[in-house]
N, C-alpha and C. Protein backbone atom coordinates (compact mmCIF):
# COMPACT_ATOMS: atom_id res chain seq x y z
N MET A 1 45.37 -30.91 -29.69
CA MET A 1 44.99 -29.81 -28.85
C MET A 1 45.92 -29.60 -27.77
N ASN A 2 46.40 -28.39 -27.66
CA ASN A 2 47.35 -28.07 -26.61
C ASN A 2 46.71 -27.92 -25.22
N SER A 3 47.40 -28.40 -24.19
CA SER A 3 46.70 -28.36 -22.84
C SER A 3 46.59 -26.94 -22.32
N GLN A 4 47.42 -26.05 -22.75
CA GLN A 4 47.39 -24.63 -22.44
C GLN A 4 46.09 -24.02 -23.00
N GLU A 5 45.74 -24.49 -24.27
CA GLU A 5 44.57 -23.77 -24.89
C GLU A 5 43.25 -24.22 -24.18
N SER A 6 43.07 -25.37 -23.60
CA SER A 6 41.92 -25.89 -22.96
C SER A 6 41.77 -25.44 -21.51
N THR A 7 42.82 -25.18 -20.84
CA THR A 7 42.80 -24.78 -19.50
C THR A 7 42.98 -23.25 -19.34
N PRO A 8 41.97 -22.66 -18.73
CA PRO A 8 42.19 -21.25 -18.53
C PRO A 8 43.29 -20.87 -17.66
N SER A 9 43.99 -19.78 -17.94
CA SER A 9 45.08 -19.28 -17.15
C SER A 9 44.54 -18.72 -15.82
N THR A 10 45.50 -18.44 -14.86
CA THR A 10 45.15 -17.92 -13.69
C THR A 10 44.52 -16.55 -13.80
N GLY A 11 45.17 -15.70 -14.70
CA GLY A 11 44.61 -14.44 -15.07
C GLY A 11 43.16 -14.45 -15.57
N GLN A 12 42.92 -15.39 -16.45
CA GLN A 12 41.60 -15.55 -17.07
C GLN A 12 40.61 -15.90 -15.98
N LEU A 13 41.00 -16.84 -15.06
CA LEU A 13 40.07 -17.22 -13.88
C LEU A 13 39.78 -15.99 -13.02
N VAL A 14 40.82 -15.20 -12.72
CA VAL A 14 40.64 -14.07 -11.88
C VAL A 14 39.68 -13.08 -12.56
N LEU A 15 39.86 -12.84 -13.87
CA LEU A 15 39.03 -11.93 -14.67
C LEU A 15 37.62 -12.45 -14.65
N ALA A 16 37.40 -13.79 -14.84
CA ALA A 16 36.06 -14.35 -14.84
C ALA A 16 35.44 -14.15 -13.54
N ALA A 17 36.13 -14.37 -12.45
CA ALA A 17 35.64 -14.20 -11.02
C ALA A 17 35.24 -12.76 -10.86
N GLU A 18 35.94 -11.87 -11.25
CA GLU A 18 35.71 -10.38 -11.11
C GLU A 18 34.46 -10.00 -11.80
N LEU A 19 34.31 -10.51 -13.02
CA LEU A 19 33.18 -10.16 -13.85
C LEU A 19 31.96 -10.81 -13.27
N SER A 20 32.08 -12.05 -12.81
CA SER A 20 30.99 -12.71 -12.23
C SER A 20 30.53 -12.01 -10.88
N HIS A 21 31.46 -11.52 -10.14
CA HIS A 21 31.15 -10.79 -8.91
C HIS A 21 30.48 -9.40 -9.19
N ARG A 22 30.95 -8.72 -10.23
CA ARG A 22 30.34 -7.47 -10.64
C ARG A 22 28.95 -7.70 -11.16
N ASN A 23 28.70 -8.83 -11.94
CA ASN A 23 27.40 -9.05 -12.37
C ASN A 23 26.48 -9.41 -11.31
N ALA A 24 26.91 -10.24 -10.35
CA ALA A 24 26.10 -10.59 -9.17
C ALA A 24 25.82 -9.26 -8.43
N ALA A 25 26.78 -8.40 -8.13
CA ALA A 25 26.45 -7.17 -7.40
C ALA A 25 25.46 -6.18 -8.10
N HIS A 26 25.59 -6.16 -9.53
CA HIS A 26 24.61 -5.47 -10.25
C HIS A 26 23.16 -6.00 -10.21
N ALA A 27 23.13 -7.38 -10.25
CA ALA A 27 21.85 -8.01 -10.16
C ALA A 27 21.30 -7.77 -8.76
N ALA A 28 22.15 -7.91 -7.74
CA ALA A 28 21.60 -7.63 -6.36
C ALA A 28 21.06 -6.12 -6.25
N LEU A 29 21.73 -5.22 -6.83
CA LEU A 29 21.37 -3.85 -6.77
C LEU A 29 20.02 -3.64 -7.49
N LYS A 30 19.88 -4.30 -8.66
CA LYS A 30 18.68 -4.16 -9.30
C LYS A 30 17.43 -4.75 -8.51
N ILE A 31 17.71 -5.91 -7.80
CA ILE A 31 16.67 -6.53 -6.92
C ILE A 31 16.29 -5.61 -5.78
N GLU A 32 17.42 -5.03 -5.13
CA GLU A 32 17.21 -4.07 -4.03
C GLU A 32 16.45 -2.83 -4.55
N THR A 33 16.74 -2.39 -5.67
CA THR A 33 16.10 -1.07 -6.16
C THR A 33 14.60 -1.49 -6.50
N ALA A 34 14.25 -2.65 -7.06
CA ALA A 34 12.85 -3.04 -7.35
C ALA A 34 12.10 -3.27 -5.95
N ALA A 35 12.79 -3.84 -5.03
CA ALA A 35 12.08 -4.01 -3.69
C ALA A 35 11.87 -2.72 -3.04
N ASP A 36 12.83 -1.73 -3.18
CA ASP A 36 12.60 -0.39 -2.48
C ASP A 36 11.40 0.35 -3.23
N HIS A 37 11.37 0.22 -4.55
CA HIS A 37 10.24 0.80 -5.41
C HIS A 37 8.84 0.19 -4.93
N GLU A 38 8.97 -1.07 -4.82
CA GLU A 38 7.66 -1.78 -4.42
C GLU A 38 7.21 -1.30 -3.03
N LEU A 39 8.18 -1.30 -2.18
CA LEU A 39 7.90 -0.79 -0.76
C LEU A 39 7.42 0.63 -0.76
N GLY A 40 7.95 1.47 -1.61
CA GLY A 40 7.54 2.89 -1.74
C GLY A 40 6.07 2.91 -2.26
N GLU A 41 5.68 2.05 -3.23
CA GLU A 41 4.37 2.07 -3.78
C GLU A 41 3.35 1.50 -2.66
N HIS A 42 3.78 0.72 -1.93
CA HIS A 42 2.92 0.15 -0.81
C HIS A 42 2.62 1.21 0.22
N LEU A 43 3.78 1.99 0.56
CA LEU A 43 3.59 3.03 1.55
C LEU A 43 2.74 4.15 1.04
N GLN A 44 2.94 4.38 -0.25
CA GLN A 44 2.05 5.49 -0.81
C GLN A 44 0.62 5.03 -0.83
N SER A 45 0.32 3.90 -1.13
CA SER A 45 -1.06 3.39 -1.16
C SER A 45 -1.64 3.36 0.27
N ALA A 46 -0.79 2.91 1.20
CA ALA A 46 -1.31 2.93 2.60
C ALA A 46 -1.57 4.36 3.12
N LEU A 47 -0.80 5.27 2.73
CA LEU A 47 -1.01 6.70 3.03
C LEU A 47 -2.25 7.20 2.49
N ARG A 48 -2.56 6.88 1.14
CA ARG A 48 -3.86 7.36 0.47
C ARG A 48 -5.06 6.64 1.25
N VAL A 49 -4.97 5.43 1.55
CA VAL A 49 -6.05 4.77 2.25
C VAL A 49 -6.28 5.46 3.66
N ASN A 50 -5.18 5.71 4.39
CA ASN A 50 -5.31 6.39 5.64
C ASN A 50 -5.94 7.70 5.59
N ARG A 51 -5.61 8.48 4.55
CA ARG A 51 -6.18 9.75 4.38
C ARG A 51 -7.60 9.70 4.06
N ARG A 52 -8.01 8.81 3.21
CA ARG A 52 -9.51 8.66 2.93
C ARG A 52 -10.31 8.29 4.15
N ILE A 53 -9.74 7.35 4.91
CA ILE A 53 -10.35 6.92 6.18
C ILE A 53 -10.44 8.15 7.08
N GLY A 54 -9.44 8.89 7.23
CA GLY A 54 -9.57 10.16 8.10
C GLY A 54 -10.58 11.12 7.61
N VAL A 55 -10.69 11.29 6.29
CA VAL A 55 -11.78 12.12 5.81
C VAL A 55 -13.06 11.61 6.25
N ALA A 56 -13.29 10.39 6.04
CA ALA A 56 -14.60 9.84 6.36
C ALA A 56 -14.92 10.00 7.92
N ILE A 57 -13.96 9.73 8.77
CA ILE A 57 -14.07 9.93 10.17
C ILE A 57 -14.46 11.31 10.49
N GLY A 58 -13.87 12.34 9.82
CA GLY A 58 -14.16 13.67 10.01
C GLY A 58 -15.54 13.98 9.65
N LEU A 59 -16.00 13.43 8.55
CA LEU A 59 -17.32 13.64 8.05
C LEU A 59 -18.42 13.09 9.02
N VAL A 60 -18.19 11.96 9.59
CA VAL A 60 -19.03 11.31 10.59
C VAL A 60 -19.13 12.16 11.82
N MET A 61 -17.92 12.63 12.25
CA MET A 61 -17.89 13.51 13.42
C MET A 61 -18.74 14.78 13.21
N ALA A 62 -18.60 15.35 11.96
CA ALA A 62 -19.21 16.61 11.72
C ALA A 62 -20.75 16.41 11.55
N GLN A 63 -21.12 15.33 10.84
CA GLN A 63 -22.56 15.20 10.46
C GLN A 63 -23.38 14.49 11.59
N LEU A 64 -22.78 13.62 12.40
CA LEU A 64 -23.43 12.99 13.43
C LEU A 64 -23.10 13.33 14.82
N GLY A 65 -22.12 14.29 15.03
CA GLY A 65 -21.77 14.71 16.27
C GLY A 65 -21.00 13.72 17.03
N PHE A 66 -20.37 12.70 16.45
CA PHE A 66 -19.68 11.73 17.22
C PHE A 66 -18.21 12.26 17.58
N THR A 67 -17.66 11.65 18.64
CA THR A 67 -16.24 11.86 18.94
C THR A 67 -15.45 11.14 17.91
N ASP A 68 -14.18 11.30 17.88
CA ASP A 68 -13.30 10.65 17.00
C ASP A 68 -13.34 9.23 17.20
N GLU A 69 -13.27 8.77 18.56
CA GLU A 69 -13.38 7.28 18.79
C GLU A 69 -14.66 6.68 18.42
N GLU A 70 -15.82 7.39 18.67
CA GLU A 70 -17.13 6.91 18.19
C GLU A 70 -17.24 6.80 16.74
N ALA A 71 -16.63 7.69 16.08
CA ALA A 71 -16.69 7.70 14.54
C ALA A 71 -15.89 6.55 14.05
N ILE A 72 -14.60 6.33 14.57
CA ILE A 72 -13.91 5.18 14.19
C ILE A 72 -14.54 3.82 14.47
N GLN A 73 -15.22 3.72 15.63
CA GLN A 73 -15.89 2.49 16.01
C GLN A 73 -17.15 2.33 15.08
N ALA A 74 -17.81 3.38 14.71
CA ALA A 74 -18.95 3.28 13.80
C ALA A 74 -18.49 2.72 12.45
N LEU A 75 -17.35 3.40 11.91
CA LEU A 75 -16.92 2.92 10.66
C LEU A 75 -16.40 1.39 10.68
N ARG A 76 -15.81 0.97 11.75
CA ARG A 76 -15.33 -0.44 11.88
C ARG A 76 -16.62 -1.30 11.97
N HIS A 77 -17.59 -0.92 12.82
CA HIS A 77 -18.72 -1.85 12.86
C HIS A 77 -19.51 -1.94 11.48
N SER A 78 -19.55 -0.76 10.76
CA SER A 78 -20.17 -0.86 9.48
C SER A 78 -19.45 -1.58 8.54
N SER A 79 -18.10 -1.57 8.60
CA SER A 79 -17.29 -2.39 7.67
C SER A 79 -17.40 -3.87 8.03
N MET A 80 -17.48 -4.22 9.27
CA MET A 80 -17.58 -5.64 9.60
C MET A 80 -18.97 -6.11 9.28
N ASP A 81 -20.06 -5.33 9.62
CA ASP A 81 -21.43 -5.72 9.35
C ASP A 81 -21.60 -5.97 7.90
N ALA A 82 -21.05 -5.11 7.03
CA ALA A 82 -21.23 -5.23 5.60
C ALA A 82 -20.20 -6.21 4.93
N ASN A 83 -19.26 -6.66 5.70
CA ASN A 83 -18.22 -7.49 5.23
C ASN A 83 -17.47 -6.86 4.14
N ARG A 84 -17.09 -5.53 4.35
CA ARG A 84 -16.40 -4.78 3.35
C ARG A 84 -15.22 -4.13 3.93
N LYS A 85 -14.24 -3.76 3.10
CA LYS A 85 -13.10 -3.04 3.63
C LYS A 85 -13.43 -1.71 4.13
N LEU A 86 -12.66 -1.39 5.24
CA LEU A 86 -12.89 -0.06 5.87
C LEU A 86 -12.71 1.04 4.83
N VAL A 87 -11.80 0.99 4.00
CA VAL A 87 -11.63 2.07 3.00
C VAL A 87 -12.80 2.20 2.11
N ASP A 88 -13.53 1.06 1.65
CA ASP A 88 -14.61 1.11 0.90
C ASP A 88 -15.75 1.76 1.49
N VAL A 89 -15.92 1.48 2.81
CA VAL A 89 -17.06 2.11 3.56
C VAL A 89 -16.77 3.64 3.60
N ALA A 90 -15.40 3.95 3.84
CA ALA A 90 -14.98 5.43 3.86
C ALA A 90 -15.32 6.13 2.58
N GLU A 91 -15.07 5.44 1.51
CA GLU A 91 -15.24 5.99 0.17
C GLU A 91 -16.76 6.23 -0.03
N ASP A 92 -17.60 5.30 0.37
CA ASP A 92 -19.11 5.57 0.31
C ASP A 92 -19.51 6.82 1.17
N ILE A 93 -18.95 6.94 2.29
CA ILE A 93 -19.31 8.11 3.08
C ILE A 93 -18.80 9.41 2.42
N ILE A 94 -17.64 9.34 1.85
CA ILE A 94 -17.12 10.49 1.13
C ILE A 94 -17.94 10.89 -0.07
N SER A 95 -18.35 9.87 -0.78
CA SER A 95 -19.12 10.11 -1.97
C SER A 95 -20.45 10.58 -1.66
N ALA A 96 -21.07 10.00 -0.58
CA ALA A 96 -22.48 10.41 -0.21
C ALA A 96 -22.45 11.83 0.26
N SER A 97 -21.30 12.27 0.92
CA SER A 97 -21.23 13.64 1.46
C SER A 97 -21.15 14.66 0.30
N GLN A 98 -20.75 14.23 -0.88
CA GLN A 98 -20.53 15.11 -2.01
C GLN A 98 -21.82 15.13 -2.87
N ALA A 99 -22.85 14.25 -2.49
CA ALA A 99 -24.05 14.24 -3.31
C ALA A 99 -24.92 15.46 -3.03
N PRO A 100 -25.78 15.70 -3.93
CA PRO A 100 -26.75 16.84 -3.63
C PRO A 100 -27.46 16.61 -2.33
N ARG A 101 -27.88 17.58 -1.55
CA ARG A 101 -28.48 17.58 -0.26
C ARG A 101 -29.85 16.79 -0.28
N ASN A 102 -30.59 16.88 -1.38
CA ASN A 102 -31.92 16.25 -1.47
C ASN A 102 -31.81 14.77 -1.76
N VAL A 103 -30.61 14.20 -1.92
CA VAL A 103 -30.46 12.66 -2.22
C VAL A 103 -30.12 12.05 -0.91
N SER A 104 -30.81 10.94 -0.67
CA SER A 104 -30.42 10.13 0.44
C SER A 104 -28.98 9.74 0.43
N HIS A 105 -28.40 9.65 1.65
CA HIS A 105 -26.90 9.33 1.71
C HIS A 105 -26.43 8.04 1.23
N GLY A 106 -27.23 6.97 1.44
CA GLY A 106 -26.87 5.70 0.98
C GLY A 106 -25.91 4.94 1.80
N TRP A 107 -25.67 5.53 2.97
CA TRP A 107 -24.69 4.84 3.84
C TRP A 107 -25.29 4.83 5.25
N ARG A 108 -25.06 3.75 5.96
CA ARG A 108 -25.62 3.62 7.38
C ARG A 108 -24.46 3.22 8.25
N LEU A 109 -24.42 3.82 9.37
CA LEU A 109 -23.40 3.44 10.44
C LEU A 109 -24.11 2.85 11.59
N SER A 110 -23.44 1.83 12.06
CA SER A 110 -23.92 1.19 13.28
C SER A 110 -23.73 2.10 14.39
N ALA A 111 -24.61 2.09 15.33
CA ALA A 111 -24.58 2.96 16.47
C ALA A 111 -23.31 2.53 17.29
N ALA A 112 -22.41 3.52 17.57
CA ALA A 112 -21.36 3.20 18.30
C ALA A 112 -21.44 3.75 19.69
N ARG A 113 -22.59 4.49 19.99
CA ARG A 113 -22.66 4.96 21.41
C ARG A 113 -23.39 4.03 22.37
């Protein structure tokens, strides 16, 4: 076996280093893209949750005559009292508001006043 055949040339080493660098950069870009996508999904989810809670706050204000702060506090208290997520309490309020008028609402708010 010739010593030149087993030892890579300087050009081969440079080429291998460049390819390795390009592959690392490509992998880093894929990871960054995946992280950006995941962050985007989290932000979209947070926005949907925030909107639903806002709708429930508006319903409580309209139906019970609460101020915005009183409605927020009432939702928070109901969430804590029932050991449920605030968005789940909000969804119950929204669902109950869409039920026929002769059906009981099925949600209760703690008095915030």
